[in-house]
Amino acid sequence: MSDDPVLARMDGDVGHVVLNRPHARNAITVALADGLHDALVDLAARARVIVVRGAGGHFCAGGDVDEVTRLRAAGGDALRGLFDAFHRACSVVATLPVPVVAAVEGSATAGGFEFVQAADVVVVRDDAVLADHHARLGQVPAGGGSQRLPRLLGPQRALTHILLGERLSGAEAVALGLAWRSAPAEGFEALVEDVVARLRRGDPGAAARTKRLVHEGLRLPLEDGLARETEVVLEHLADPAVSERLARFRAR
């Protein structure tokens, strides 16, 4: 297998991204963060859906301690480069026109958990471990968790998880709304395949516009978001491809 920190490939119209540092539980380095960003952007131009997972039985254990130590010794600007690179990798998901699925096995902690929060659809193994354990190490969330988790869970629940460093199983993540479905080890691949198949059957234009609406709306007051929704729906219905699909539906 290649020793590149991120592997990317197309399988038909499905893009696959693999975080490929299994010896370090796919811990984040600048090279991994940059590779993740670039793979997502590249595959989104060709894929109907993208699946992100980790090599070696783990999703991602957060920042690589050796990398952080090395960059810290080089000064603040060098260390900022790591955080900026990972922020780009997480934030780009919202800008892509295709759904991005996080398929989580093993550990998804710290930065790994933060990427999960940025994904469009999350599926997990029942025995996965998800946690923001920055506080346990005397650290502050550095990959967006202080901003995304409160938006997903509310500020009090998010702070409780972050400050306690609470570990969640896959099933518990589903119960909290941080993942869509979980499955035991023997059924996990079937779950991933089912999600991918269902997303592939969707209309690409509708998926892209829906993602755009959701992320734009989060930055707007409700009234403005509703007005924006109407604009995008009208834009969608004016698309010739949509008109053709509606005509076929009526012909049934």
C-alpha atoms as a PDB file:
ATOM      1  CA  MET A   1       0.000   0.000   0.000  1.00  0.00           C
ATOM      2  CA  SER A   2       1.144   3.550  -0.703  1.00  0.00           C
ATOM      3  CA  ASP A   3       2.681   5.499   2.156  1.00  0.00           C
ATOM      4  CA  ASP A   4       0.873   8.687   1.100  1.00  0.00           C
ATOM      5  CA  PRO A   5      -1.015  10.088   4.111  1.00  0.00           C
ATOM      6  CA  VAL A   6      -4.253  10.267   2.108  1.00  0.00           C
ATOM      7  CA  LEU A   7      -5.397   7.868  -0.605  1.00  0.00           C
ATOM      8  CA  ALA A   8      -8.108   8.784  -3.090  1.00  0.00           C
ATOM      9  CA  ARG A   9      -9.801   6.796  -5.822  1.00  0.00           C
ATOM     10  CA  MET A  10     -12.977   6.611  -7.872  1.00  0.00           C
ATOM     11  CA  ASP A  11     -15.158   3.504  -7.983  1.00  0.00           C
ATOM     12  CA  GLY A  12     -17.675   4.259 -10.700  1.00  0.00           C
ATOM     13  CA  ASP A  13     -19.276   7.490  -9.570  1.00  0.00           C
ATOM     14  CA  VAL A  14     -18.332   7.057  -5.904  1.00  0.00           C
ATOM     15  CA  GLY A  15     -15.243   8.786  -4.535  1.00  0.00           C
ATOM     16  CA  HIS A  16     -13.263   7.130  -1.752  1.00  0.00           C
ATOM     17  CA  VAL A  17     -10.863   8.945   0.572  1.00  0.00           C
ATOM     18  CA  VAL A  18      -8.751   6.953   3.029  1.00  0.00           C
ATOM     19  CA  LEU A  19      -6.740   8.574   5.815  1.00  0.00           C
ATOM     20  CA  ASN A  20      -3.605   6.474   5.542  1.00  0.00           C
ATOM     21  CA  ARG A  21      -1.432   6.702   8.641  1.00  0.00           C
ATOM     22  CA  PRO A  22      -2.567   3.501  10.356  1.00  0.00           C
ATOM     23  CA  HIS A  23       0.570   3.264  12.500  1.00  0.00           C
ATOM     24  CA  ALA A  24      -0.549   6.513  14.179  1.00  0.00           C
ATOM     25  CA  ARG A  25      -4.306   5.865  14.106  1.00  0.00           C
ATOM     26  CA  ASN A  26      -4.394   8.301  11.166  1.00  0.00           C
ATOM     27  CA  ALA A  27      -3.336  11.233  13.334  1.00  0.00           C
ATOM     28  CA  ILE A  28      -3.360  14.588  11.589  1.00  0.00           C
ATOM     29  CA  THR A  29      -0.235  16.143  10.123  1.00  0.00           C
ATOM     30  CA  VAL A  30      -0.005  19.080   7.749  1.00  0.00           C
ATOM     31  CA  ALA A  31       0.468  16.624   4.881  1.00  0.00           C
ATOM     32  CA  LEU A  32      -2.610  14.629   5.866  1.00  0.00           C
ATOM     33  CA  ALA A  33      -4.752  17.758   6.259  1.00  0.00           C
ATOM     34  CA  ASP A  34      -3.632  19.147   2.903  1.00  0.00           C
ATOM     35  CA  GLY A  35      -4.107  15.778   1.249  1.00  0.00           C
ATOM     36  CA  LEU A  36      -7.610  15.404   2.672  1.00  0.00           C
ATOM     37  CA  HIS A  37      -8.628  18.845   1.417  1.00  0.00           C
ATOM     38  CA  ASP A  38      -7.198  18.263  -2.056  1.00  0.00           C
ATOM     39  CA  ALA A  39      -8.721  14.783  -2.370  1.00  0.00           C
ATOM     40  CA  LEU A  40     -12.179  16.060  -1.440  1.00  0.00           C
ATOM     41  CA  VAL A  41     -12.022  18.911  -3.952  1.00  0.00           C
ATOM     42  CA  ASP A  42     -10.671  16.680  -6.722  1.00  0.00           C
ATOM     43  CA  LEU A  43     -13.200  13.874  -6.242  1.00  0.00           C
ATOM     44  CA  ALA A  44     -16.154  16.251  -5.913  1.00  0.00           C
ATOM     45  CA  ALA A  45     -15.671  17.254  -9.541  1.00  0.00           C
ATOM     46  CA  ARG A  46     -16.325  13.656 -10.643  1.00  0.00           C
ATOM     47  CA  ALA A  47     -18.245  11.833  -7.941  1.00  0.00           C
ATOM     48  CA  ARG A  48     -21.904  11.574  -6.952  1.00  0.00           C
ATOM     49  CA  VAL A  49     -20.924  10.865  -3.345  1.00  0.00           C
ATOM     50  CA  ILE A  50     -17.651  10.741  -1.384  1.00  0.00           C
ATOM     51  CA  VAL A  51     -16.879   8.332   1.460  1.00  0.00           C
ATOM     52  CA  VAL A  52     -14.138   9.207   3.965  1.00  0.00           C
ATOM     53  CA  ARG A  53     -12.698   6.548   6.265  1.00  0.00           C
ATOM     54  CA  GLY A  54      -9.491   5.604   8.030  1.00  0.00           C
ATOM     55  CA  ALA A  55      -7.006   2.816   7.346  1.00  0.00           C
ATOM     56  CA  GLY A  56      -6.153   0.144   9.881  1.00  0.00           C
ATOM     57  CA  GLY A  57      -9.425   0.010  11.793  1.00  0.00           C
ATOM     58  CA  HIS A  58      -9.468   3.589  13.104  1.00  0.00           C
ATOM     59  CA  PHE A  59     -10.953   6.771  11.686  1.00  0.00           C
ATOM     60  CA  CYS A  60      -8.647   9.454  13.107  1.00  0.00           C
ATOM     61  CA  ALA A  61      -7.149   9.993  16.551  1.00  0.00           C
ATOM     62  CA  GLY A  62      -6.682  13.768  16.215  1.00  0.00           C
ATOM     63  CA  GLY A  63      -3.507  15.798  15.884  1.00  0.00           C
ATOM     64  CA  ASP A  64      -0.185  14.015  15.646  1.00  0.00           C
ATOM     65  CA  VAL A  65       1.697  14.800  18.856  1.00  0.00           C
ATOM     66  CA  ASP A  66       5.114  14.588  17.196  1.00  0.00           C
ATOM     67  CA  GLU A  67       3.975  16.992  14.471  1.00  0.00           C
ATOM     68  CA  VAL A  68       2.545  19.433  17.005  1.00  0.00           C
ATOM     69  CA  THR A  69       5.754  19.289  19.056  1.00  0.00           C
ATOM     70  CA  ARG A  70       7.932  19.888  16.002  1.00  0.00           C
ATOM     71  CA  LEU A  71       5.820  22.793  14.741  1.00  0.00           C
ATOM     72  CA  ARG A  72       5.546  24.320  18.202  1.00  0.00           C
ATOM     73  CA  ALA A  73       9.331  24.428  18.417  1.00  0.00           C
ATOM     74  CA  ALA A  74       9.407  26.225  15.072  1.00  0.00           C
ATOM     75  CA  GLY A  75       7.116  28.988  16.311  1.00  0.00           C
ATOM     76  CA  GLY A  76       3.509  30.114  16.231  1.00  0.00           C
ATOM     77  CA  ASP A  77       3.329  30.652  12.483  1.00  0.00           C
ATOM     78  CA  ALA A  78       4.415  27.082  11.804  1.00  0.00           C
ATOM     79  CA  LEU A  79       1.883  25.697  14.258  1.00  0.00           C
ATOM     80  CA  ARG A  80      -0.860  27.878  12.799  1.00  0.00           C
ATOM     81  CA  GLY A  81      -0.203  26.203   9.459  1.00  0.00           C
ATOM     82  CA  LEU A  82      -1.344  22.849  10.861  1.00  0.00           C
ATOM     83  CA  PHE A  83      -4.581  24.246  12.253  1.00  0.00           C
ATOM     84  CA  ASP A  84      -5.296  26.289   9.125  1.00  0.00           C
ATOM     85  CA  ALA A  85      -4.746  23.243   6.904  1.00  0.00           C
ATOM     86  CA  PHE A  86      -7.125  21.090   8.928  1.00  0.00           C
ATOM     87  CA  HIS A  87      -9.723  23.856   9.110  1.00  0.00           C
ATOM     88  CA  ARG A  88      -9.636  24.035   5.312  1.00  0.00           C
ATOM     89  CA  ALA A  89     -10.153  20.282   5.053  1.00  0.00           C
ATOM     90  CA  CYS A  90     -13.171  20.375   7.363  1.00  0.00           C
ATOM     91  CA  SER A  91     -14.698  23.576   6.009  1.00  0.00           C
ATOM     92  CA  VAL A  92     -14.447  22.582   2.355  1.00  0.00           C
ATOM     93  CA  VAL A  93     -17.057  19.861   2.925  1.00  0.00           C
ATOM     94  CA  ALA A  94     -19.789  22.499   3.157  1.00  0.00           C
ATOM     95  CA  THR A  95     -18.772  23.993  -0.189  1.00  0.00           C
ATOM     96  CA  LEU A  96     -18.785  20.750  -2.182  1.00  0.00           C
ATOM     97  CA  PRO A  97     -21.807  19.971  -4.373  1.00  0.00           C
ATOM     98  CA  VAL A  98     -21.833  16.271  -3.411  1.00  0.00           C
ATOM     99  CA  PRO A  99     -22.626  14.515  -0.111  1.00  0.00           C
ATOM    100  CA  VAL A 100     -19.607  13.577   2.003  1.00  0.00           C
ATOM    101  CA  VAL A 101     -20.067  10.494   4.186  1.00  0.00           C
ATOM    102  CA  ALA A 102     -17.856   9.787   7.201  1.00  0.00           C
ATOM    103  CA  ALA A 103     -17.644   6.015   7.776  1.00  0.00           C
ATOM    104  CA  VAL A 104     -16.351   5.752  11.330  1.00  0.00           C
ATOM    105  CA  GLU A 105     -14.652   2.737  12.866  1.00  0.00           C
ATOM    106  CA  GLY A 106     -12.404   2.587  15.914  1.00  0.00           C
ATOM    107  CA  SER A 107     -11.277   5.940  17.276  1.00  0.00           C
ATOM    108  CA  ALA A 108     -12.629   9.266  16.071  1.00  0.00           C
ATOM    109  CA  THR A 109     -11.236  11.573  18.703  1.00  0.00           C
ATOM    110  CA  ALA A 110     -10.199  15.237  18.885  1.00  0.00           C
ATOM    111  CA  GLY A 111      -9.604  16.267  15.252  1.00  0.00           C
ATOM    112  CA  GLY A 112     -11.155  13.025  14.009  1.00  0.00           C
ATOM    113  CA  PHE A 113     -14.329  13.829  15.936  1.00  0.00           C
ATOM    114  CA  GLU A 114     -14.205  17.373  14.581  1.00  0.00           C
ATOM    115  CA  PHE A 115     -14.126  16.143  10.986  1.00  0.00           C
ATOM    116  CA  VAL A 116     -17.108  13.917  11.788  1.00  0.00           C
ATOM    117  CA  GLN A 117     -18.968  17.055  12.894  1.00  0.00           C
ATOM    118  CA  ALA A 118     -18.239  18.652   9.498  1.00  0.00           C
ATOM    119  CA  ALA A 119     -19.393  15.683   7.388  1.00  0.00           C
ATOM    120  CA  ASP A 120     -22.785  15.634   5.672  1.00  0.00           C
ATOM    121  CA  VAL A 121     -23.736  12.079   6.671  1.00  0.00           C
ATOM    122  CA  VAL A 122     -22.126  10.012   9.436  1.00  0.00           C
ATOM    123  CA  VAL A 123     -22.361   6.242   9.910  1.00  0.00           C
ATOM    124  CA  VAL A 124     -20.546   4.495  12.735  1.00  0.00           C
ATOM    125  CA  ARG A 125     -19.773   1.084  14.049  1.00  0.00           C
ATOM    126  CA  ASP A 126     -21.492   0.345  17.349  1.00  0.00           C
ATOM    127  CA  ASP A 127     -18.122  -0.089  19.046  1.00  0.00           C
ATOM    128  CA  ALA A 128     -16.517   3.080  17.660  1.00  0.00           C
ATOM    129  CA  VAL A 129     -15.231   5.644  20.156  1.00  0.00           C
ATOM    130  CA  LEU A 130     -15.971   9.318  19.511  1.00  0.00           C
ATOM    131  CA  ALA A 131     -14.744  12.038  21.838  1.00  0.00           C
ATOM    132  CA  ASP A 132     -13.305  15.496  22.130  1.00  0.00           C
ATOM    133  CA  HIS A 133     -10.586  14.764  24.660  1.00  0.00           C
ATOM    134  CA  HIS A 134      -8.648  18.016  24.293  1.00  0.00           C
ATOM    135  CA  ALA A 135      -9.533  18.957  27.882  1.00  0.00           C
ATOM    136  CA  ARG A 136      -8.105  15.701  29.218  1.00  0.00           C
ATOM    137  CA  LEU A 137      -4.772  16.746  27.746  1.00  0.00           C
ATOM    138  CA  GLY A 138      -5.076  20.328  28.959  1.00  0.00           C
ATOM    139  CA  GLN A 139      -5.735  21.545  25.423  1.00  0.00           C
ATOM    140  CA  VAL A 140      -8.379  23.584  23.595  1.00  0.00           C
ATOM    141  CA  PRO A 141     -10.336  22.234  20.579  1.00  0.00           C
ATOM    142  CA  ALA A 142      -8.371  23.221  17.495  1.00  0.00           C
ATOM    143  CA  GLY A 143     -10.273  21.746  14.546  1.00  0.00           C
ATOM    144  CA  GLY A 144     -13.599  23.530  14.824  1.00  0.00           C
ATOM    145  CA  GLY A 145     -15.169  21.552  17.680  1.00  0.00           C
ATOM    146  CA  SER A 146     -15.743  24.635  19.851  1.00  0.00           C
ATOM    147  CA  GLN A 147     -17.909  26.056  17.039  1.00  0.00           C
ATOM    148  CA  ARG A 148     -19.531  23.087  15.303  1.00  0.00           C
ATOM    149  CA  LEU A 149     -20.436  20.963  18.329  1.00  0.00           C
ATOM    150  CA  PRO A 150     -22.521  23.736  20.001  1.00  0.00           C
ATOM    151  CA  ARG A 151     -24.400  24.179  16.741  1.00  0.00           C
ATOM    152  CA  LEU A 152     -25.142  20.465  16.640  1.00  0.00           C
ATOM    153  CA  LEU A 153     -25.955  19.853  20.308  1.00  0.00           C
ATOM    154  CA  GLY A 154     -26.532  23.273  21.861  1.00  0.00           C
ATOM    155  CA  PRO A 155     -23.943  25.132  23.946  1.00  0.00           C
ATOM    156  CA  GLN A 156     -24.501  23.453  27.313  1.00  0.00           C
ATOM    157  CA  ARG A 157     -24.416  19.876  26.029  1.00  0.00           C
ATOM    158  CA  ALA A 158     -21.416  20.645  23.822  1.00  0.00           C
ATOM    159  CA  LEU A 159     -19.465  22.229  26.667  1.00  0.00           C
ATOM    160  CA  THR A 160     -20.221  19.244  28.878  1.00  0.00           C
ATOM    161  CA  HIS A 161     -18.831  16.846  26.284  1.00  0.00           C
ATOM    162  CA  ILE A 162     -15.748  18.974  25.671  1.00  0.00           C
ATOM    163  CA  LEU A 163     -14.945  19.793  29.289  1.00  0.00           C
ATOM    164  CA  LEU A 164     -15.468  16.233  30.502  1.00  0.00           C
ATOM    165  CA  GLY A 165     -13.849  14.660  27.459  1.00  0.00           C
ATOM    166  CA  GLU A 166     -16.748  12.212  27.405  1.00  0.00           C
ATOM    167  CA  ARG A 167     -16.283   9.091  25.274  1.00  0.00           C
ATOM    168  CA  LEU A 168     -19.257   8.097  23.139  1.00  0.00           C
ATOM    169  CA  SER A 169     -19.903   4.754  21.489  1.00  0.00           C
ATOM    170  CA  GLY A 170     -21.273   4.682  17.970  1.00  0.00           C
ATOM    171  CA  ALA A 171     -24.739   3.874  19.294  1.00  0.00           C
ATOM    172  CA  GLU A 172     -24.562   6.786  21.760  1.00  0.00           C
ATOM    173  CA  ALA A 173     -23.487   9.150  18.968  1.00  0.00           C
ATOM    174  CA  VAL A 174     -26.587   8.137  17.005  1.00  0.00           C
ATOM    175  CA  ALA A 175     -28.810   8.727  20.039  1.00  0.00           C
ATOM    176  CA  LEU A 176     -27.409  12.260  20.363  1.00  0.00           C
ATOM    177  CA  GLY A 177     -27.864  13.028  16.679  1.00  0.00           C
ATOM    178  CA  LEU A 178     -24.134  13.121  15.917  1.00  0.00           C
ATOM    179  CA  ALA A 179     -24.429  10.178  13.526  1.00  0.00           C
ATOM    180  CA  TRP A 180     -27.232   8.862  11.358  1.00  0.00           C
ATOM    181  CA  ARG A 181     -26.988   5.105  11.921  1.00  0.00           C
ATOM    182  CA  SER A 182     -24.733   2.600  13.644  1.00  0.00           C
ATOM    183  CA  ALA A 183     -24.179  -1.091  13.012  1.00  0.00           C
ATOM    184  CA  PRO A 184     -22.227  -3.949  14.559  1.00  0.00           C
ATOM    185  CA  ALA A 185     -18.919  -4.897  12.961  1.00  0.00           C
ATOM    186  CA  GLU A 186     -20.456  -7.614  10.802  1.00  0.00           C
ATOM    187  CA  GLY A 187     -23.086  -5.258   9.398  1.00  0.00           C
ATOM    188  CA  PHE A 188     -21.066  -2.068   9.041  1.00  0.00           C
ATOM    189  CA  GLU A 189     -20.006  -2.422   5.401  1.00  0.00           C
ATOM    190  CA  ALA A 190     -23.591  -3.186   4.412  1.00  0.00           C
ATOM    191  CA  LEU A 191     -24.687  -0.001   6.187  1.00  0.00           C
ATOM    192  CA  VAL A 192     -22.081   2.084   4.341  1.00  0.00           C
ATOM    193  CA  GLU A 193     -23.089   0.537   1.010  1.00  0.00           C
ATOM    194  CA  ASP A 194     -26.781   1.200   1.676  1.00  0.00           C
ATOM    195  CA  VAL A 195     -26.156   4.863   2.479  1.00  0.00           C
ATOM    196  CA  VAL A 196     -24.018   5.302  -0.621  1.00  0.00           C
ATOM    197  CA  ALA A 197     -26.604   3.599  -2.831  1.00  0.00           C
ATOM    198  CA  ARG A 198     -29.387   5.808  -1.510  1.00  0.00           C
ATOM    199  CA  LEU A 199     -27.346   8.970  -2.013  1.00  0.00           C
ATOM    200  CA  ARG A 200     -26.400   7.907  -5.553  1.00  0.00           C
ATOM    201  CA  ARG A 201     -30.091   7.579  -6.435  1.00  0.00           C
ATOM    202  CA  GLY A 202     -30.721  11.188  -5.492  1.00  0.00           C
ATOM    203  CA  ASP A 203     -30.722  14.062  -7.931  1.00  0.00           C
ATOM    204  CA  PRO A 204     -27.264  15.719  -8.030  1.00  0.00           C
ATOM    205  CA  GLY A 205     -28.635  19.211  -8.580  1.00  0.00           C
ATOM    206  CA  ALA A 206     -31.093  18.906  -5.711  1.00  0.00           C
ATOM    207  CA  ALA A 207     -28.369  17.591  -3.397  1.00  0.00           C
ATOM    208  CA  ALA A 208     -26.013  20.444  -4.276  1.00  0.00           C
ATOM    209  CA  ARG A 209     -28.666  23.105  -3.819  1.00  0.00           C
ATOM    210  CA  THR A 210     -29.899  21.589  -0.567  1.00  0.00           C
ATOM    211  CA  LYS A 211     -26.373  21.559   0.888  1.00  0.00           C
ATOM    212  CA  ARG A 212     -25.905  25.156  -0.176  1.00  0.00           C
ATOM    213  CA  LEU A 213     -29.213  26.181   1.393  1.00  0.00           C
ATOM    214  CA  VAL A 214     -28.489  24.499   4.713  1.00  0.00           C
ATOM    215  CA  HIS A 215     -25.054  26.044   5.114  1.00  0.00           C
ATOM    216  CA  GLU A 216     -26.077  29.489   3.882  1.00  0.00           C
ATOM    217  CA  GLY A 217     -29.141  29.413   6.120  1.00  0.00           C
ATOM    218  CA  LEU A 218     -27.094  28.739   9.237  1.00  0.00           C
ATOM    219  CA  ARG A 219     -25.515  32.163   8.768  1.00  0.00           C
ATOM    220  CA  LEU A 220     -28.841  33.973   8.308  1.00  0.00           C
ATOM    221  CA  PRO A 221     -31.828  34.938  10.472  1.00  0.00           C
ATOM    222  CA  LEU A 222     -34.726  32.523   9.942  1.00  0.00           C
ATOM    223  CA  GLU A 223     -36.778  34.956   7.880  1.00  0.00           C
ATOM    224  CA  ASP A 224     -33.878  35.607   5.507  1.00  0.00           C
ATOM    225  CA  GLY A 225     -33.150  31.892   5.300  1.00  0.00           C
ATOM    226  CA  LEU A 226     -36.736  31.147   4.298  1.00  0.00           C
ATOM    227  CA  ALA A 227     -36.578  33.820   1.614  1.00  0.00           C
ATOM    228  CA  ARG A 228     -33.328  32.320   0.344  1.00  0.00           C
ATOM    229  CA  GLU A 229     -34.976  28.897   0.248  1.00  0.00           C
ATOM    230  CA  THR A 230     -37.680  30.202  -2.072  1.00  0.00           C
ATOM    231  CA  GLU A 231     -35.068  31.732  -4.382  1.00  0.00           C
ATOM    232  CA  VAL A 232     -33.135  28.461  -4.614  1.00  0.00           C
ATOM    233  CA  VAL A 233     -36.272  26.383  -5.178  1.00  0.00           C
ATOM    234  CA  LEU A 234     -37.289  28.650  -8.048  1.00  0.00           C
ATOM    235  CA  GLU A 235     -33.758  28.379  -9.454  1.00  0.00           C
ATOM    236  CA  HIS A 236     -33.991  24.597  -9.190  1.00  0.00           C
ATOM    237  CA  LEU A 237     -37.385  24.342 -10.866  1.00  0.00           C
ATOM    238  CA  ALA A 238     -36.149  26.509 -13.747  1.00  0.00           C
ATOM    239  CA  ASP A 239     -33.386  23.987 -14.471  1.00  0.00           C
ATOM    240  CA  PRO A 240     -34.202  22.179 -17.777  1.00  0.00           C
ATOM    241  CA  ALA A 241     -33.039  18.874 -16.324  1.00  0.00           C
ATOM    242  CA  VAL A 242     -35.561  19.214 -13.507  1.00  0.00           C
ATOM    243  CA  SER A 243     -38.320  20.009 -15.977  1.00  0.00           C
ATOM    244  CA  GLU A 244     -37.526  16.815 -17.846  1.00  0.00           C
ATOM    245  CA  ARG A 245     -37.691  14.752 -14.660  1.00  0.00           C
ATOM    246  CA  LEU A 246     -41.017  16.303 -13.684  1.00  0.00           C
ATOM    247  CA  ALA A 247     -42.404  15.545 -17.142  1.00  0.00           C
ATOM    248  CA  ARG A 248     -41.329  11.910 -16.843  1.00  0.00           C
ATOM    249  CA  PHE A 249     -42.917  11.697 -13.412  1.00  0.00           C
ATOM    250  CA  ARG A 250     -46.216  13.088 -14.680  1.00  0.00           C
ATOM    251  CA  ALA A 251     -46.144  10.656 -17.602  1.00  0.00           C
ATOM    252  CA  ARG A 252     -46.292   7.751 -15.190  1.00  0.00           C
END
